[in-house]
Amino acid sequence: MVKHLLLLLLLASHFIFAQSVVINEVVSSNKETILDEDGDASDWIELYNVGNEQVSISGFYISDDPNNAKKWQIENAVIEPLEFL
């Protein structure tokens, strides 16, 4: 039992410390402040790569609907070290 717990903690710490992309800003009710490429005032999030290596987030999803976790797929997105998306 102790060996399994130790292995689980080691694996979990790898995943916790391996994450370098953080949510930096969120606008969840944009009505008129920042317009997107279509001229719409859409809701948005800003991601920041705090790490030293580029991170591909292609294939990940963003959703505001717990019943539809794959509402919007991120395509062809790479965040360079210390850069925002």
N, C-alpha and C. Protein backbone atom coordinates (compact mmCIF):
# COMPACT_ATOMS: atom_id res chain seq x y z
N MET A 1 0.82 -1.20 0.00
CA MET A 1 0.00 0.00 0.00
C MET A 1 0.86 1.26 0.00
N VAL A 2 1.89 1.26 0.83
CA VAL A 2 2.77 2.43 0.92
C VAL A 2 3.49 2.65 -0.41
N LYS A 3 3.89 1.58 -1.08
CA LYS A 3 4.57 1.71 -2.38
C LYS A 3 3.64 2.34 -3.41
N HIS A 4 2.39 1.93 -3.41
CA HIS A 4 1.42 2.49 -4.36
C HIS A 4 1.17 3.97 -4.08
N LEU A 5 1.07 4.33 -2.81
CA LEU A 5 0.85 5.72 -2.45
C LEU A 5 2.05 6.58 -2.85
N LEU A 6 3.25 6.07 -2.61
CA LEU A 6 4.46 6.80 -3.00
C LEU A 6 4.53 6.99 -4.50
N LEU A 7 4.22 5.95 -5.27
CA LEU A 7 4.22 6.04 -6.72
C LEU A 7 3.18 7.07 -7.20
N LEU A 8 2.01 7.02 -6.59
CA LEU A 8 0.96 7.98 -6.95
C LEU A 8 1.40 9.42 -6.67
N LEU A 9 2.02 9.65 -5.53
CA LEU A 9 2.50 11.00 -5.20
C LEU A 9 3.59 11.46 -6.15
N LEU A 10 4.49 10.57 -6.52
CA LEU A 10 5.55 10.93 -7.47
C LEU A 10 4.97 11.29 -8.84
N LEU A 11 4.03 10.49 -9.31
CA LEU A 11 3.40 10.78 -10.60
C LEU A 11 2.59 12.06 -10.55
N ALA A 12 1.85 12.27 -9.48
CA ALA A 12 1.03 13.47 -9.35
C ALA A 12 1.90 14.71 -9.31
N SER A 13 3.02 14.65 -8.59
CA SER A 13 3.90 15.83 -8.52
C SER A 13 4.47 16.16 -9.89
N HIS A 14 4.75 15.14 -10.71
CA HIS A 14 5.25 15.40 -12.07
C HIS A 14 4.21 16.19 -12.86
N PHE A 15 2.96 15.79 -12.79
CA PHE A 15 1.91 16.49 -13.54
C PHE A 15 1.66 17.88 -12.98
N ILE A 16 1.73 18.05 -11.69
CA ILE A 16 1.51 19.36 -11.08
C ILE A 16 2.60 20.33 -11.49
N PHE A 17 3.86 19.92 -11.40
CA PHE A 17 4.97 20.81 -11.69
C PHE A 17 5.26 20.94 -13.17
N ALA A 18 4.72 20.06 -14.00
CA ALA A 18 4.97 20.10 -15.44
C ALA A 18 4.10 21.13 -16.15
N GLN A 19 3.10 21.64 -15.48
CA GLN A 19 2.18 22.58 -16.11
C GLN A 19 2.81 23.96 -16.19
N SER A 20 2.85 24.52 -17.39
CA SER A 20 3.45 25.85 -17.53
C SER A 20 2.50 26.86 -18.16
N VAL A 21 1.31 26.44 -18.55
CA VAL A 21 0.33 27.37 -19.11
C VAL A 21 -0.71 27.66 -18.04
N VAL A 22 -0.90 28.95 -17.78
CA VAL A 22 -1.86 29.37 -16.76
C VAL A 22 -2.89 30.30 -17.40
N ILE A 23 -4.07 30.33 -16.80
CA ILE A 23 -5.09 31.30 -17.21
C ILE A 23 -4.71 32.62 -16.57
N ASN A 24 -4.46 33.63 -17.38
CA ASN A 24 -4.00 34.92 -16.90
C ASN A 24 -5.14 35.92 -16.72
N GLU A 25 -6.06 35.96 -17.67
CA GLU A 25 -7.19 36.87 -17.61
C GLU A 25 -8.42 36.18 -18.16
N VAL A 26 -9.60 36.59 -17.67
CA VAL A 26 -10.87 36.06 -18.15
C VAL A 26 -11.86 37.21 -18.26
N VAL A 27 -12.55 37.29 -19.38
CA VAL A 27 -13.68 38.20 -19.53
C VAL A 27 -14.87 37.32 -19.92
N SER A 28 -15.78 37.14 -18.98
CA SER A 28 -16.88 36.20 -19.22
C SER A 28 -18.20 36.89 -19.53
N SER A 29 -18.16 38.20 -19.60
CA SER A 29 -19.38 38.94 -19.95
C SER A 29 -19.00 40.20 -20.72
N ASN A 30 -18.36 40.00 -21.85
CA ASN A 30 -17.90 41.11 -22.68
C ASN A 30 -19.07 41.63 -23.51
N LYS A 31 -19.43 42.86 -23.31
CA LYS A 31 -20.53 43.44 -24.07
C LYS A 31 -20.06 44.50 -25.06
N GLU A 32 -18.90 45.13 -24.77
CA GLU A 32 -18.48 46.22 -25.67
C GLU A 32 -17.01 46.59 -25.57
N THR A 33 -16.22 45.92 -24.73
CA THR A 33 -14.87 46.41 -24.49
C THR A 33 -13.87 46.04 -25.58
N ILE A 34 -13.64 44.76 -25.79
CA ILE A 34 -12.63 44.34 -26.77
C ILE A 34 -13.32 43.52 -27.86
N LEU A 35 -13.14 43.93 -29.09
CA LEU A 35 -13.77 43.26 -30.22
C LEU A 35 -12.84 42.19 -30.79
N ASP A 36 -13.43 41.08 -31.24
CA ASP A 36 -12.63 40.02 -31.85
C ASP A 36 -12.42 40.30 -33.34
N GLU A 37 -11.84 39.34 -34.05
CA GLU A 37 -11.52 39.54 -35.47
C GLU A 37 -12.75 39.72 -36.34
N ASP A 38 -13.94 39.33 -35.83
CA ASP A 38 -15.18 39.52 -36.58
C ASP A 38 -15.92 40.79 -36.18
N GLY A 39 -15.34 41.56 -35.26
CA GLY A 39 -15.99 42.78 -34.80
C GLY A 39 -17.01 42.53 -33.70
N ASP A 40 -17.04 41.31 -33.15
CA ASP A 40 -17.98 40.98 -32.08
C ASP A 40 -17.31 41.18 -30.72
N ALA A 41 -18.11 41.51 -29.72
CA ALA A 41 -17.62 41.63 -28.35
C ALA A 41 -17.80 40.28 -27.65
N SER A 42 -16.96 39.32 -28.00
CA SER A 42 -17.07 37.96 -27.48
C SER A 42 -16.39 37.85 -26.12
N ASP A 43 -16.80 36.83 -25.35
CA ASP A 43 -16.08 36.49 -24.13
C ASP A 43 -14.71 35.94 -24.52
N TRP A 44 -13.72 36.06 -23.62
CA TRP A 44 -12.40 35.58 -23.97
C TRP A 44 -11.59 35.24 -22.73
N ILE A 45 -10.54 34.45 -22.94
CA ILE A 45 -9.56 34.17 -21.90
C ILE A 45 -8.18 34.45 -22.47
N GLU A 46 -7.25 34.77 -21.58
CA GLU A 46 -5.86 34.96 -21.98
C GLU A 46 -5.03 33.91 -21.26
N LEU A 47 -4.23 33.18 -22.02
CA LEU A 47 -3.34 32.17 -21.45
C LEU A 47 -1.92 32.70 -21.46
N TYR A 48 -1.12 32.26 -20.49
CA TYR A 48 0.28 32.69 -20.38
C TYR A 48 1.16 31.47 -20.13
N ASN A 49 2.22 31.35 -20.89
CA ASN A 49 3.18 30.27 -20.71
C ASN A 49 4.29 30.75 -19.79
N VAL A 50 4.28 30.29 -18.55
CA VAL A 50 5.28 30.68 -17.56
C VAL A 50 6.56 29.86 -17.68
N GLY A 51 6.56 28.86 -18.54
CA GLY A 51 7.69 27.94 -18.66
C GLY A 51 8.77 28.41 -19.60
N ASN A 52 9.77 27.55 -19.78
CA ASN A 52 10.92 27.85 -20.63
C ASN A 52 10.85 27.17 -21.99
N GLU A 53 9.77 26.44 -22.27
CA GLU A 53 9.61 25.76 -23.54
C GLU A 53 8.26 26.11 -24.14
N GLN A 54 8.19 26.08 -25.48
CA GLN A 54 6.90 26.32 -26.13
C GLN A 54 5.94 25.19 -25.80
N VAL A 55 4.66 25.52 -25.75
CA VAL A 55 3.63 24.54 -25.42
C VAL A 55 2.56 24.59 -26.50
N SER A 56 2.25 23.42 -27.06
CA SER A 56 1.15 23.32 -28.02
C SER A 56 -0.12 23.02 -27.24
N ILE A 57 -1.15 23.81 -27.47
CA ILE A 57 -2.45 23.53 -26.85
C ILE A 57 -3.46 23.12 -27.93
N SER A 58 -2.95 22.80 -29.11
CA SER A 58 -3.81 22.32 -30.19
C SER A 58 -4.52 21.04 -29.75
N GLY A 59 -5.80 20.97 -30.05
CA GLY A 59 -6.58 19.80 -29.69
C GLY A 59 -7.25 19.88 -28.33
N PHE A 60 -6.92 20.91 -27.54
CA PHE A 60 -7.59 21.11 -26.26
C PHE A 60 -8.93 21.79 -26.49
N TYR A 61 -9.77 21.77 -25.50
CA TYR A 61 -11.11 22.34 -25.61
C TYR A 61 -11.36 23.37 -24.52
N ILE A 62 -12.25 24.33 -24.84
CA ILE A 62 -12.73 25.32 -23.87
C ILE A 62 -14.25 25.26 -23.92
N SER A 63 -14.86 25.33 -22.75
CA SER A 63 -16.32 25.29 -22.70
C SER A 63 -16.83 26.01 -21.47
N ASP A 64 -18.03 26.56 -21.60
CA ASP A 64 -18.72 27.14 -20.45
C ASP A 64 -19.97 26.32 -20.13
N ASP A 65 -20.03 25.12 -20.69
CA ASP A 65 -21.19 24.25 -20.53
C ASP A 65 -20.74 22.92 -19.96
N PRO A 66 -21.08 22.61 -18.70
CA PRO A 66 -20.65 21.35 -18.10
C PRO A 66 -21.19 20.12 -18.82
N ASN A 67 -22.24 20.28 -19.60
CA ASN A 67 -22.80 19.16 -20.36
C ASN A 67 -22.19 19.02 -21.75
N ASN A 68 -21.34 19.97 -22.13
CA ASN A 68 -20.68 19.94 -23.44
C ASN A 68 -19.23 20.40 -23.26
N ALA A 69 -18.39 19.52 -22.76
CA ALA A 69 -17.00 19.86 -22.47
C ALA A 69 -16.18 20.14 -23.73
N LYS A 70 -16.67 19.72 -24.88
CA LYS A 70 -15.94 19.91 -26.15
C LYS A 70 -16.64 20.96 -27.02
N LYS A 71 -17.08 22.03 -26.39
CA LYS A 71 -17.84 23.07 -27.09
C LYS A 71 -16.99 23.80 -28.14
N TRP A 72 -15.76 24.13 -27.78
CA TRP A 72 -14.90 24.88 -28.71
C TRP A 72 -13.50 24.30 -28.67
N GLN A 73 -13.01 23.81 -29.82
CA GLN A 73 -11.69 23.20 -29.88
C GLN A 73 -10.65 24.22 -30.31
N ILE A 74 -9.52 24.19 -29.64
CA ILE A 74 -8.38 25.05 -30.00
C ILE A 74 -7.61 24.36 -31.11
N GLU A 75 -7.36 25.06 -32.19
CA GLU A 75 -6.64 24.49 -33.32
C GLU A 75 -5.37 25.28 -33.61
N ASN A 76 -4.30 24.57 -33.92
CA ASN A 76 -3.04 25.18 -34.35
C ASN A 76 -2.57 26.30 -33.43
N ALA A 77 -2.49 26.03 -32.14
CA ALA A 77 -2.08 27.06 -31.19
C ALA A 77 -0.85 26.60 -30.42
N VAL A 78 0.20 27.42 -30.49
CA VAL A 78 1.42 27.20 -29.74
C VAL A 78 1.69 28.46 -28.96
N ILE A 79 2.02 28.30 -27.68
CA ILE A 79 2.37 29.46 -26.85
C ILE A 79 3.86 29.37 -26.56
N GLU A 80 4.59 30.37 -26.98
CA GLU A 80 6.02 30.42 -26.77
C GLU A 80 6.33 30.72 -25.29
N PRO A 81 7.55 30.43 -24.84
CA PRO A 81 7.90 30.72 -23.45
C PRO A 81 7.70 32.19 -23.11
N LEU A 82 7.11 32.45 -21.98
CA LEU A 82 6.85 33.80 -21.46
C LEU A 82 6.00 34.64 -22.41
N GLU A 83 5.14 33.99 -23.19
CA GLU A 83 4.26 34.67 -24.13
C GLU A 83 2.80 34.44 -23.76
N PHE A 84 1.94 35.29 -24.27
CA PHE A 84 0.49 35.24 -24.03
C PHE A 84 -0.24 34.77 -25.29
N LEU A 85 -1.41 34.19 -25.09
CA LEU A 85 -2.31 33.86 -26.19
C LEU A 85 -3.71 34.17 -25.73
